[in-house]
Amino acid sequence: MSFKIILRCPNCGKKLKQIPESRHFFCDQCNDELAMRLIDGKIALLSIRKEKKDSGEKE
């Protein structure tokens, strides 16, 4: 048995597109790249830009 999961942007609710050859997703509406992370046993979608900014990395 297989099933399909549709991921939506946590900011605007628009359906996310998976980036080929990656575990990241992209929101056309917010123009943001997101990644799934496991936090306290729950799956969360986090902005890649926010993670880079919080860690001090340059884009």
Protein backbone atom coordinates (compact mmCIF):
# COMPACT_ATOMS: atom_id res chain seq x y z
CA MET A 1 0.00 0.00 0.00
CA SER A 2 1.25 3.48 -0.81
CA PHE A 3 -0.06 6.93 -0.08
CA LYS A 4 0.72 10.49 -1.04
CA ILE A 5 1.49 13.26 1.43
CA ILE A 6 0.93 16.87 0.43
CA LEU A 7 3.06 19.34 2.37
CA ARG A 8 1.88 22.91 2.75
CA CYS A 9 3.86 26.03 3.61
CA PRO A 10 3.60 26.84 7.33
CA ASN A 11 3.45 30.57 6.45
CA CYS A 12 0.93 30.83 3.61
CA GLY A 13 -0.61 27.35 3.27
CA LYS A 14 0.35 26.91 -0.39
CA LYS A 15 1.35 23.42 -1.60
CA LEU A 16 5.14 22.96 -1.48
CA LYS A 17 7.25 21.64 -4.35
CA GLN A 18 10.08 19.22 -3.61
CA ILE A 19 13.44 20.36 -4.91
CA PRO A 20 14.83 17.59 -7.18
CA GLU A 21 17.76 15.60 -5.78
CA SER A 22 17.20 17.19 -2.35
CA ARG A 23 15.28 16.76 0.89
CA HIS A 24 14.24 20.40 0.75
CA PHE A 25 10.99 21.98 -0.39
CA PHE A 26 10.16 25.31 -2.04
CA CYS A 27 7.20 27.67 -1.62
CA ASP A 28 6.45 29.72 -4.77
CA GLN A 29 4.24 32.12 -2.81
CA CYS A 30 6.73 32.99 -0.03
CA ASN A 31 9.80 32.40 -2.23
CA ASP A 32 11.32 30.37 0.62
CA GLU A 33 13.17 27.07 0.86
CA LEU A 34 12.16 24.73 3.69
CA ALA A 35 13.56 21.55 5.20
CA MET A 36 12.01 18.88 7.39
CA ARG A 37 13.54 18.57 10.84
CA LEU A 38 12.73 16.27 13.76
CA ILE A 39 12.15 18.39 16.88
CA ASP A 40 11.08 16.77 20.15
CA GLY A 41 9.86 13.70 18.25
CA LYS A 42 7.73 15.75 15.84
CA ILE A 43 8.39 16.57 12.20
CA ALA A 44 8.61 20.32 11.53
CA LEU A 45 9.13 22.36 8.36
CA LEU A 46 11.71 25.09 8.92
CA SER A 47 12.90 27.89 6.67
CA ILE A 48 16.44 27.36 5.38
CA ARG A 49 17.00 31.14 5.34
CA LYS A 50 15.99 31.48 9.00
CA GLU A 51 18.30 28.60 9.99
CA LYS A 52 21.22 30.24 8.13
CA LYS A 53 20.50 33.62 9.73
CA ASP A 54 20.24 32.09 13.24
CA SER A 55 23.52 30.20 12.80
CA GLY A 56 25.36 33.21 11.34
CA GLU A 57 25.90 31.60 7.90
CA LYS A 58 25.85 33.76 4.80
CA GLU A 59 23.36 32.97 2.00
